[in-house]
Amino acid sequence: MTAPLGTIEGYYGTPWSWEDREHVVSFLAAHDYRFYIYAPKADRFLRKRWREEHPNEVSGRLSALAAKCRSLDVRFGVGLSPFEIYRNFDDAAQGDLKRKLAWLDRVGVEILAVLFDDMRGDLPELAATQARILHWIKERTGARQLIVCPSYYTDDPVLDRFFGRRPQNYLEDLGAALDPSIDVFWTGEEVCAREIGAAHVKRVGEQLRRKPFLWDNYPVNDGPRMSPFLHLRAFTGRSASLAAHIAAHAVNPALQAHLSLIPMLSLASSYREADAYAYGRAFDGAARLVLGERFANLVREDLTFLQDVGVDRLGKWGDGLKERYSGIDHPAAREILRWLDGAYRVTEMQE
């Protein structure tokens, strides 16, 4: 049994190029990835400046990406974060949101993700107010699928530390109030979960009264802690038995679009192969598909440096890695070189 797989571009830091997005969609469409959700944190017109219109160039690019997805039978979505709209959902907010929804319809959105993450949540009637807003949106959007990211999308207490203590029974109240057709994102027991177990998502599904829609924060490498590392290894800690207990499995990729394809291919393998899955073998096969055999062998040899040591502690080895990859004409090699030069460093997780 395989869960529906897709990409959610939901990282902080420098966003991908439009050409990279089209490449990722095209490449993964041949490997069981059937949806793509555009939601980079750097697009402020989807976040704190959501009431403003997108520049015409961005609108045109998004429409072209939506058309590309349709041509590949990949459902296209956008993640909208109407910042703390639940604190005052008045006539002005409704008018601004209605205009934004009309714009999303013109772009060609099939999946609308409404993201209430990274916002204050210790507020009275949070679940009921968010459900009311989502039902209002559902009546006015042309998107065929509606997904919400709740303010508390993991058991991880780090959210309570930064955004206020979660209301008691928040998940249960949200699940009871929401229309059953609305999906709910969940990242697991942590924001960046080391493991996502079937027993865990089954419990969350019971709380939400629906199967959770996984937002998997691997191989994402944004933020000060993760950006010095390249997350290249194949997926582990995600058993194929998850498929029976989740609505879908969305991967939040790394800042390096081409290198992200390696672990993303391995996730498809893990569902397909089930108990026969071996993560080392999955890495080797995916790396050869993405990079070619010679380049893949080099990355395999350097995996400890790239993923475990990190750019800040490479020392003299950094110059050797630059020399190894500087002669390779491949976009993933250029991503490694840019990473070695510090181009992907994220110092603060700000918009």
Protein backbone atom coordinates (compact mmCIF):
# COMPACT_ATOMS: atom_id res chain seq x y z
CA MET A 1 0.00 0.00 0.00
CA THR A 2 1.37 3.42 -0.98
CA ALA A 3 0.39 6.79 0.44
CA PRO A 4 -0.25 9.63 -2.03
CA LEU A 5 3.09 11.44 -2.30
CA GLY A 6 3.81 15.07 -3.04
CA THR A 7 6.02 18.10 -2.43
CA ILE A 8 5.30 21.08 -0.20
CA GLU A 9 7.79 23.85 -0.78
CA GLY A 10 7.54 25.22 2.75
CA TYR A 11 11.08 26.14 3.79
CA TYR A 12 12.70 29.35 5.05
CA GLY A 13 15.64 30.85 3.18
CA THR A 14 16.43 31.54 -0.47
CA PRO A 15 13.64 30.12 -2.64
CA TRP A 16 14.18 27.87 -5.65
CA SER A 17 14.25 29.25 -9.15
CA TRP A 18 11.17 28.75 -11.32
CA GLU A 19 13.22 26.51 -13.60
CA ASP A 20 14.17 24.33 -10.62
CA ARG A 21 10.52 24.03 -9.62
CA GLU A 22 9.54 22.83 -13.08
CA HIS A 23 12.40 20.34 -13.07
CA VAL A 24 11.40 18.93 -9.67
CA VAL A 25 7.76 18.58 -10.72
CA SER A 26 8.70 16.87 -13.99
CA PHE A 27 11.25 14.53 -12.43
CA LEU A 28 9.11 13.43 -9.51
CA ALA A 29 5.98 13.00 -11.62
CA ALA A 30 7.63 9.90 -13.06
CA HIS A 31 8.20 8.54 -9.55
CA ASP A 32 4.73 8.59 -7.95
CA TYR A 33 4.69 12.23 -6.74
CA ARG A 34 1.24 13.47 -7.66
CA PHE A 35 0.90 16.92 -6.03
CA TYR A 36 3.00 20.04 -5.59
CA ILE A 37 2.24 22.85 -3.13
CA TYR A 38 4.01 26.20 -3.48
CA ALA A 39 4.49 27.79 -0.05
CA PRO A 40 8.03 29.15 0.42
CA LYS A 41 8.34 31.32 3.51
CA ALA A 42 10.17 33.93 1.43
CA ASP A 43 6.97 34.74 -0.52
CA ARG A 44 5.73 37.48 1.77
CA PHE A 45 2.62 38.02 -0.34
CA LEU A 46 1.41 34.66 0.96
CA ARG A 47 2.32 35.51 4.55
CA LYS A 48 2.47 38.82 6.45
CA ARG A 49 1.77 40.81 3.29
CA TRP A 50 -0.94 38.43 2.11
CA ARG A 51 -3.50 41.25 1.75
CA GLU A 52 -1.38 42.80 -1.03
CA GLU A 53 -1.40 41.68 -4.66
CA HIS A 54 1.44 39.55 -5.98
CA PRO A 55 3.69 41.18 -8.59
CA ASN A 56 2.51 40.40 -12.12
CA GLU A 57 5.67 38.44 -12.88
CA VAL A 58 5.13 36.09 -9.95
CA SER A 59 1.47 35.62 -10.88
CA GLY A 60 2.48 34.70 -14.40
CA ARG A 61 5.14 32.28 -13.19
CA LEU A 62 2.69 30.59 -10.83
CA SER A 63 0.12 30.22 -13.61
CA ALA A 64 2.78 28.65 -15.83
CA LEU A 65 3.79 26.26 -13.04
CA ALA A 66 0.16 25.30 -12.51
CA ALA A 67 -0.16 24.57 -16.25
CA LYS A 68 3.02 22.49 -16.14
CA CYS A 69 1.61 20.45 -13.26
CA ARG A 70 -1.66 19.85 -15.12
CA SER A 71 0.24 18.62 -18.17
CA LEU A 72 1.93 16.01 -15.97
CA ASP A 73 -1.22 15.00 -14.07
CA VAL A 74 0.20 16.59 -10.92
CA ARG A 75 -2.21 18.58 -8.76
CA PHE A 76 -0.96 22.11 -8.09
CA GLY A 77 -1.47 23.91 -4.81
CA VAL A 78 -0.53 27.05 -2.92
CA GLY A 79 -0.05 27.55 0.80
CA LEU A 80 -1.63 30.76 2.10
CA SER A 81 -0.76 32.06 5.59
CA PRO A 82 -3.23 34.86 6.39
CA PHE A 83 -1.30 36.11 9.38
CA GLU A 84 -3.34 35.89 12.60
CA ILE A 85 -6.55 36.51 10.68
CA TYR A 86 -8.37 34.55 13.38
CA ARG A 87 -7.76 37.43 15.80
CA ASN A 88 -10.08 39.73 13.86
CA PHE A 89 -12.04 38.12 11.03
CA ASP A 90 -14.01 41.27 10.30
CA ASP A 91 -15.49 42.66 7.07
CA ALA A 92 -12.15 44.12 5.97
CA ALA A 93 -10.34 40.82 6.50
CA GLN A 94 -13.07 38.95 4.68
CA GLY A 95 -12.89 41.34 1.74
CA ASP A 96 -9.12 40.99 1.47
CA LEU A 97 -9.35 37.21 1.75
CA LYS A 98 -12.05 37.03 -0.91
CA ARG A 99 -9.80 38.93 -3.33
CA LYS A 100 -6.87 36.64 -2.57
CA LEU A 101 -9.01 33.55 -3.15
CA ALA A 102 -10.16 34.93 -6.51
CA TRP A 103 -6.52 35.47 -7.47
CA LEU A 104 -5.65 31.90 -6.50
CA ASP A 105 -8.50 30.64 -8.67
CA ARG A 106 -7.13 32.60 -11.63
CA VAL A 107 -3.67 31.12 -11.05
CA GLY A 108 -5.15 27.63 -11.33
CA VAL A 109 -4.91 26.29 -7.79
CA GLU A 110 -6.39 22.83 -7.25
CA ILE A 111 -5.16 22.44 -3.66
CA LEU A 112 -5.48 25.32 -1.22
CA ALA A 113 -3.47 24.96 1.98
CA VAL A 114 -4.40 27.45 4.69
CA LEU A 115 -1.44 27.65 7.06
CA PHE A 116 -1.91 28.82 10.64
CA ASP A 117 1.63 27.81 11.68
CA ASP A 118 4.19 30.20 13.17
CA MET A 119 1.48 32.37 14.69
CA ARG A 120 0.38 33.00 18.26
CA GLY A 121 -2.01 30.29 19.41
CA ASP A 122 -2.75 30.74 23.11
CA LEU A 123 -6.09 32.38 22.40
CA PRO A 124 -9.63 31.56 23.51
CA GLU A 125 -11.82 29.60 21.08
CA LEU A 126 -8.86 29.12 18.72
CA ALA A 127 -10.10 25.87 17.17
CA ALA A 128 -13.67 27.09 16.71
CA THR A 129 -12.58 30.38 15.14
CA GLN A 130 -10.16 28.68 12.76
CA ALA A 131 -12.83 26.18 11.74
CA ARG A 132 -15.27 29.00 11.03
CA ILE A 133 -12.72 30.72 8.78
CA LEU A 134 -11.99 27.49 6.93
CA HIS A 135 -15.68 26.87 6.29
CA TRP A 136 -15.99 30.44 5.01
CA ILE A 137 -13.06 29.78 2.65
CA LYS A 138 -14.49 26.43 1.54
CA GLU A 139 -17.63 28.18 0.31
CA ARG A 140 -15.62 30.67 -1.77
CA THR A 141 -12.62 28.85 -3.22
CA GLY A 142 -12.51 27.02 -6.51
CA ALA A 143 -9.83 24.65 -5.19
CA ARG A 144 -10.90 21.02 -5.15
CA GLN A 145 -9.01 20.22 -1.95
CA LEU A 146 -8.64 22.26 1.22
CA ILE A 147 -5.93 21.54 3.80
CA VAL A 148 -5.22 23.37 7.04
CA CYS A 149 -2.00 23.52 9.00
CA PRO A 150 -3.12 23.99 12.61
CA SER A 151 -1.30 26.36 14.92
CA TYR A 152 -0.08 23.32 16.83
CA TYR A 153 0.89 20.81 14.16
CA THR A 154 3.10 18.53 16.26
CA ASP A 155 3.39 17.29 19.83
CA ASP A 156 6.72 19.12 20.05
CA PRO A 157 6.66 21.54 23.06
CA VAL A 158 8.88 23.95 21.13
CA LEU A 159 5.70 25.41 19.61
CA ASP A 160 4.29 26.20 23.05
CA ARG A 161 7.57 27.92 23.94
CA PHE A 162 7.50 30.23 20.92
CA PHE A 163 3.78 30.74 20.23
CA GLY A 164 2.12 30.31 23.61
CA ARG A 165 0.75 27.27 25.39
CA ARG A 166 -1.66 25.31 23.19
CA PRO A 167 -5.29 25.37 24.26
CA GLN A 168 -6.47 22.25 26.04
CA ASN A 169 -8.00 19.69 23.64
CA TYR A 170 -7.06 21.87 20.66
CA LEU A 171 -6.74 18.97 18.20
CA GLU A 172 -9.93 17.30 19.38
CA ASP A 173 -11.89 20.55 19.18
CA LEU A 174 -10.52 21.39 15.73
CA GLY A 175 -11.27 17.92 14.41
CA ALA A 176 -14.82 17.99 15.78
CA ALA A 177 -15.52 21.44 14.33
CA LEU A 178 -14.05 20.91 10.84
CA ASP A 179 -15.96 19.61 7.88
CA PRO A 180 -14.74 16.03 7.28
CA SER A 181 -13.61 16.94 3.77
CA ILE A 182 -10.93 19.34 5.06
CA ASP A 183 -7.53 17.72 5.56
CA VAL A 184 -5.18 18.59 8.42
CA PHE A 185 -1.37 18.77 8.23
CA TRP A 186 0.74 17.09 10.91
CA THR A 187 4.55 16.83 11.17
CA GLY A 188 4.82 14.07 13.77
CA GLU A 189 6.06 13.92 17.34
CA GLU A 190 8.55 16.71 16.58
CA VAL A 191 8.75 19.60 14.12
CA CYS A 192 11.52 17.70 12.34
CA ALA A 193 10.61 14.15 13.29
CA ARG A 194 13.32 11.54 13.48
CA GLU A 195 10.67 8.87 13.14
CA ILE A 196 6.99 8.92 12.24
CA GLY A 197 5.32 5.77 13.48
CA ALA A 198 2.01 4.21 12.53
CA ALA A 199 0.85 4.10 16.17
CA HIS A 200 1.52 7.82 16.52
CA VAL A 201 -0.39 8.95 13.42
CA LYS A 202 -3.22 6.56 14.27
CA ARG A 203 -3.59 8.30 17.63
CA VAL A 204 -3.51 11.75 15.99
CA GLY A 205 -6.10 10.57 13.48
CA GLU A 206 -8.42 9.63 16.31
CA GLN A 207 -8.00 13.08 17.84
CA LEU A 208 -8.64 14.83 14.52
CA ARG A 209 -11.43 12.46 13.40
CA ARG A 210 -9.60 12.05 10.09
CA LYS A 211 -6.32 10.67 8.83
CA PRO A 212 -3.57 13.29 9.19
CA PHE A 213 -1.95 14.72 6.07
CA LEU A 214 1.78 14.34 6.79
CA TRP A 215 4.01 17.38 6.36
CA ASP A 216 7.40 15.69 6.56
CA ASN A 217 10.28 18.01 7.49
CA TYR A 218 12.99 15.90 5.92
CA PRO A 219 15.14 16.66 3.94
CA VAL A 220 14.46 20.35 4.66
CA ASN A 221 17.60 22.12 5.93
CA ASP A 222 16.51 25.68 6.63
CA GLY A 223 17.28 27.65 9.76
CA PRO A 224 20.55 28.35 11.57
CA ARG A 225 20.84 24.82 12.95
CA MET A 226 20.25 22.86 9.73
CA SER A 227 21.44 25.04 6.85
CA PRO A 228 25.15 24.11 7.36
CA PHE A 229 24.28 20.51 6.43
CA LEU A 230 23.11 18.78 3.26
CA HIS A 231 20.35 16.27 3.98
CA LEU A 232 21.04 13.62 1.35
CA ARG A 233 20.58 10.25 2.99
CA ALA A 234 17.59 8.12 2.12
CA PHE A 235 14.52 8.25 4.33
CA THR A 236 14.48 6.21 7.51
CA GLY A 237 11.92 5.97 10.32
CA ARG A 238 8.93 6.01 7.96
CA SER A 239 7.50 2.52 7.64
CA ALA A 240 5.27 1.59 4.72
CA SER A 241 2.65 0.75 7.34
CA LEU A 242 2.04 4.51 7.63
CA ALA A 243 0.05 4.41 4.41
CA ALA A 244 -3.00 2.90 6.11
CA HIS A 245 -3.19 5.74 8.64
CA ILE A 246 -2.46 8.94 6.69
CA ALA A 247 -4.30 10.92 4.03
CA ALA A 248 -1.10 11.70 2.11
CA HIS A 249 2.62 12.25 2.59
CA ALA A 250 4.02 15.67 1.65
CA VAL A 251 7.78 16.25 1.69
CA ASN A 252 9.25 19.63 2.61
CA PRO A 253 12.47 19.60 0.55
CA ALA A 254 15.89 21.08 1.14
CA LEU A 255 17.13 24.45 -0.07
CA GLN A 256 18.97 22.53 -2.82
CA ALA A 257 16.29 21.52 -5.33
CA HIS A 258 18.30 18.98 -7.33
CA LEU A 259 19.93 17.31 -4.33
CA SER A 260 16.52 17.01 -2.65
CA LEU A 261 15.48 14.57 -5.33
CA ILE A 262 17.75 11.88 -3.88
CA PRO A 263 15.97 11.40 -0.52
CA MET A 264 12.60 12.14 -2.12
CA LEU A 265 13.03 9.23 -4.53
CA SER A 266 13.93 7.00 -1.61
CA LEU A 267 10.61 7.74 0.11
CA ALA A 268 8.75 6.37 -2.90
CA SER A 269 10.98 3.30 -2.71
CA SER A 270 10.26 2.82 0.99
CA TYR A 271 6.51 2.62 0.36
CA ARG A 272 6.90 0.46 -2.72
CA GLU A 273 9.36 -2.01 -1.19
CA ALA A 274 7.89 -2.10 2.34
CA ASP A 275 9.79 -4.65 4.46
CA ALA A 276 12.33 -5.16 1.67
CA TYR A 277 13.43 -1.52 1.85
CA ALA A 278 17.10 -0.86 2.66
CA TYR A 279 18.02 2.81 3.02
CA GLY A 280 21.63 2.46 1.86
CA ARG A 281 20.62 0.67 -1.29
CA ALA A 282 17.81 3.20 -1.80
CA PHE A 283 20.31 6.06 -1.59
CA ASP A 284 22.61 4.42 -4.14
CA GLY A 285 19.80 3.85 -6.63
CA ALA A 286 18.31 7.32 -6.22
CA ALA A 287 21.70 9.06 -6.43
CA ARG A 288 22.54 7.28 -9.68
CA LEU A 289 19.20 8.31 -11.18
CA VAL A 290 19.65 11.95 -10.18
CA LEU A 291 23.40 12.40 -10.60
CA GLY A 292 24.71 9.67 -12.86
CA GLU A 293 27.01 6.90 -11.67
CA ARG A 294 30.34 8.75 -11.38
CA PHE A 295 28.93 11.80 -9.59
CA ALA A 296 26.79 9.56 -7.34
CA ASN A 297 29.86 7.59 -6.28
CA LEU A 298 31.64 10.78 -5.25
CA VAL A 299 28.69 11.96 -3.16
CA ARG A 300 28.43 8.52 -1.56
CA GLU A 301 32.10 8.73 -0.54
CA ASP A 302 31.63 12.25 0.88
CA LEU A 303 28.29 11.68 2.59
CA THR A 304 29.70 11.97 6.10
CA PHE A 305 31.30 15.33 5.30
CA LEU A 306 28.20 16.68 3.60
CA GLN A 307 25.50 15.53 6.01
CA ASP A 308 27.23 14.96 9.34
CA VAL A 309 30.30 17.23 9.56
CA GLY A 310 28.74 20.24 7.87
CA VAL A 311 30.28 23.22 6.14
CA ASP A 312 31.34 25.01 9.34
CA ARG A 313 33.63 22.19 10.48
CA LEU A 314 35.10 21.02 7.20
CA GLY A 315 38.39 22.88 7.61
CA LYS A 316 40.95 21.79 5.04
CA TRP A 317 38.53 19.21 3.66
CA GLY A 318 36.41 22.02 2.22
CA ASP A 319 39.03 22.92 -0.38
CA GLY A 320 39.27 19.29 -1.39
CA LEU A 321 35.52 19.05 -1.86
CA LYS A 322 35.52 22.20 -3.98
CA GLU A 323 38.17 20.68 -6.20
CA ARG A 324 36.25 17.38 -6.49
CA TYR A 325 33.01 18.99 -7.62
CA SER A 326 34.16 22.07 -9.54
CA GLY A 327 34.76 20.05 -12.69
CA ILE A 328 31.30 18.46 -12.79
CA ASP A 329 28.79 20.10 -15.10
CA HIS A 330 25.59 19.29 -13.21
CA PRO A 331 23.15 21.54 -11.32
CA ALA A 332 23.51 19.40 -8.18
CA ALA A 333 27.29 19.89 -8.28
CA ARG A 334 26.72 23.63 -8.46
CA GLU A 335 24.44 23.34 -5.42
CA ILE A 336 27.22 21.63 -3.48
CA LEU A 337 29.69 24.35 -4.49
CA ARG A 338 27.28 27.10 -3.50
CA TRP A 339 26.73 25.37 -0.17
CA LEU A 340 30.48 25.19 0.39
CA ASP A 341 30.65 28.94 -0.29
CA GLY A 342 27.95 29.63 2.34
CA ALA A 343 25.26 30.70 -0.14
CA TYR A 344 22.51 28.70 1.55
CA ARG A 345 23.17 29.81 5.11
CA VAL A 346 20.04 30.84 7.01
CA THR A 347 20.94 32.93 10.05
CA GLU A 348 17.41 33.69 11.27
CA MET A 349 14.08 32.05 10.51
CA GLN A 350 12.41 35.28 9.50
CA GLU A 351 10.25 36.21 6.54
